Amino acid sequence: MTKPAAHRRFLPTSPFNAPVAPAPVKRFTVGDRVTHDRYGLGRVIGVEEDVAVLVDFASRQERIPGPYTKLTKL
């Protein structure tokens, strides 16, 4: 019979416990060319102060809320 693994206690000053740095916030300006995983290529036509961007994808206009995980600046 085996014993269950003991929990290891990590010290707060341990170099292995380094905090993960947050990803930089993506910034878009009017006129930027972008690509979206679902909608394809488009151009930014409006920006709402770090909340959302309005993008024209030839066939439709979409409001993409932040964080912009599926939106990439070209």
C-alpha atoms as a PDB file:
ATOM      1  CA  MET A   1       0.000   0.000   0.000  1.00  0.00           C
ATOM      2  CA  THR A   2       1.358   3.453  -0.890  1.00  0.00           C
ATOM      3  CA  LYS A   3       0.894   6.632   1.044  1.00  0.00           C
ATOM      4  CA  PRO A   4      -0.661   9.666  -0.649  1.00  0.00           C
ATOM      5  CA  ALA A   5       1.809  12.321  -1.755  1.00  0.00           C
ATOM      6  CA  ALA A   6       2.388  14.992   0.843  1.00  0.00           C
ATOM      7  CA  HIS A   7       1.573  18.571  -0.089  1.00  0.00           C
ATOM      8  CA  ARG A   8       4.633  20.681  -0.636  1.00  0.00           C
ATOM      9  CA  ARG A   9       4.692  24.053   0.975  1.00  0.00           C
ATOM     10  CA  PHE A  10       5.929  26.785  -1.362  1.00  0.00           C
ATOM     11  CA  LEU A  11       7.596  29.753   0.206  1.00  0.00           C
ATOM     12  CA  PRO A  12       6.400  33.161  -1.007  1.00  0.00           C
ATOM     13  CA  THR A  13       9.989  34.204  -1.757  1.00  0.00           C
ATOM     14  CA  SER A  14      10.744  31.121  -3.829  1.00  0.00           C
ATOM     15  CA  PRO A  15      12.096  31.880  -7.332  1.00  0.00           C
ATOM     16  CA  PHE A  16       9.856  29.090  -8.616  1.00  0.00           C
ATOM     17  CA  ASN A  17       6.809  30.985  -7.423  1.00  0.00           C
ATOM     18  CA  ALA A  18       7.423  34.004  -9.666  1.00  0.00           C
ATOM     19  CA  PRO A  19       4.186  35.784 -10.608  1.00  0.00           C
ATOM     20  CA  VAL A  20       3.125  35.546 -14.217  1.00  0.00           C
ATOM     21  CA  ALA A  21       3.294  38.924 -15.938  1.00  0.00           C
ATOM     22  CA  PRO A  22       0.002  39.955 -17.539  1.00  0.00           C
ATOM     23  CA  ALA A  23      -0.089  40.103 -21.316  1.00  0.00           C
ATOM     24  CA  PRO A  24       0.254  43.618 -22.733  1.00  0.00           C
ATOM     25  CA  VAL A  25      -3.041  45.290 -23.551  1.00  0.00           C
ATOM     26  CA  LYS A  26      -3.676  45.440 -27.288  1.00  0.00           C
ATOM     27  CA  ARG A  27      -4.309  48.971 -28.554  1.00  0.00           C
ATOM     28  CA  PHE A  28      -6.055  49.748 -31.820  1.00  0.00           C
ATOM     29  CA  THR A  29      -6.575  53.007 -33.669  1.00  0.00           C
ATOM     30  CA  VAL A  30      -9.027  53.950 -36.387  1.00  0.00           C
ATOM     31  CA  GLY A  31      -7.755  52.738 -39.741  1.00  0.00           C
ATOM     32  CA  ASP A  32      -5.737  49.762 -38.449  1.00  0.00           C
ATOM     33  CA  ARG A  33      -5.925  46.617 -40.581  1.00  0.00           C
ATOM     34  CA  VAL A  34      -6.824  43.603 -38.440  1.00  0.00           C
ATOM     35  CA  THR A  35      -7.670  39.937 -38.727  1.00  0.00           C
ATOM     36  CA  HIS A  36     -10.170  38.046 -36.600  1.00  0.00           C
ATOM     37  CA  ASP A  37     -10.250  34.262 -36.108  1.00  0.00           C
ATOM     38  CA  ARG A  38     -13.950  34.111 -37.014  1.00  0.00           C
ATOM     39  CA  TYR A  39     -14.665  37.094 -39.285  1.00  0.00           C
ATOM     40  CA  GLY A  40     -11.403  37.347 -41.250  1.00  0.00           C
ATOM     41  CA  LEU A  41      -9.769  40.569 -42.508  1.00  0.00           C
ATOM     42  CA  GLY A  42     -11.124  43.956 -41.558  1.00  0.00           C
ATOM     43  CA  ARG A  43     -10.408  47.600 -40.781  1.00  0.00           C
ATOM     44  CA  VAL A  44     -10.989  49.353 -37.450  1.00  0.00           C
ATOM     45  CA  ILE A  45     -13.625  52.083 -37.877  1.00  0.00           C
ATOM     46  CA  GLY A  46     -14.195  52.968 -34.223  1.00  0.00           C
ATOM     47  CA  VAL A  47     -12.549  52.648 -30.806  1.00  0.00           C
ATOM     48  CA  GLU A  48     -14.260  52.738 -27.401  1.00  0.00           C
ATOM     49  CA  GLU A  49     -11.493  53.587 -24.861  1.00  0.00           C
ATOM     50  CA  ASP A  50     -10.132  50.112 -23.953  1.00  0.00           C
ATOM     51  CA  VAL A  51     -13.647  48.622 -23.913  1.00  0.00           C
ATOM     52  CA  ALA A  52     -14.312  47.557 -27.499  1.00  0.00           C
ATOM     53  CA  VAL A  53     -13.486  48.253 -31.142  1.00  0.00           C
ATOM     54  CA  LEU A  54     -15.817  48.496 -34.115  1.00  0.00           C
ATOM     55  CA  VAL A  55     -14.450  46.659 -37.136  1.00  0.00           C
ATOM     56  CA  ASP A  56     -15.665  46.665 -40.748  1.00  0.00           C
ATOM     57  CA  PHE A  57     -15.324  43.172 -42.222  1.00  0.00           C
ATOM     58  CA  ALA A  58     -16.436  43.934 -45.819  1.00  0.00           C
ATOM     59  CA  SER A  59     -19.672  41.929 -45.425  1.00  0.00           C
ATOM     60  CA  ARG A  60     -20.538  43.125 -41.900  1.00  0.00           C
ATOM     61  CA  GLN A  61     -19.581  45.439 -39.061  1.00  0.00           C
ATOM     62  CA  GLU A  62     -18.858  43.898 -35.689  1.00  0.00           C
ATOM     63  CA  ARG A  63     -18.231  45.326 -32.223  1.00  0.00           C
ATOM     64  CA  ILE A  64     -15.394  43.296 -30.684  1.00  0.00           C
ATOM     65  CA  PRO A  65     -15.202  43.653 -26.873  1.00  0.00           C
ATOM     66  CA  GLY A  66     -11.881  43.472 -25.040  1.00  0.00           C
ATOM     67  CA  PRO A  67      -9.773  41.541 -24.250  1.00  0.00           C
ATOM     68  CA  TYR A  68      -9.045  41.093 -27.917  1.00  0.00           C
ATOM     69  CA  THR A  69      -7.883  37.464 -27.847  1.00  0.00           C
ATOM     70  CA  LYS A  70      -9.095  36.634 -31.367  1.00  0.00           C
ATOM     71  CA  LEU A  71      -8.192  39.976 -32.944  1.00  0.00           C
ATOM     72  CA  THR A  72      -4.706  40.633 -34.331  1.00  0.00           C
ATOM     73  CA  LYS A  73      -3.253  43.822 -35.801  1.00  0.00           C
ATOM     74  CA  LEU A  74      -1.590  43.383 -39.189  1.00  0.00           C
END
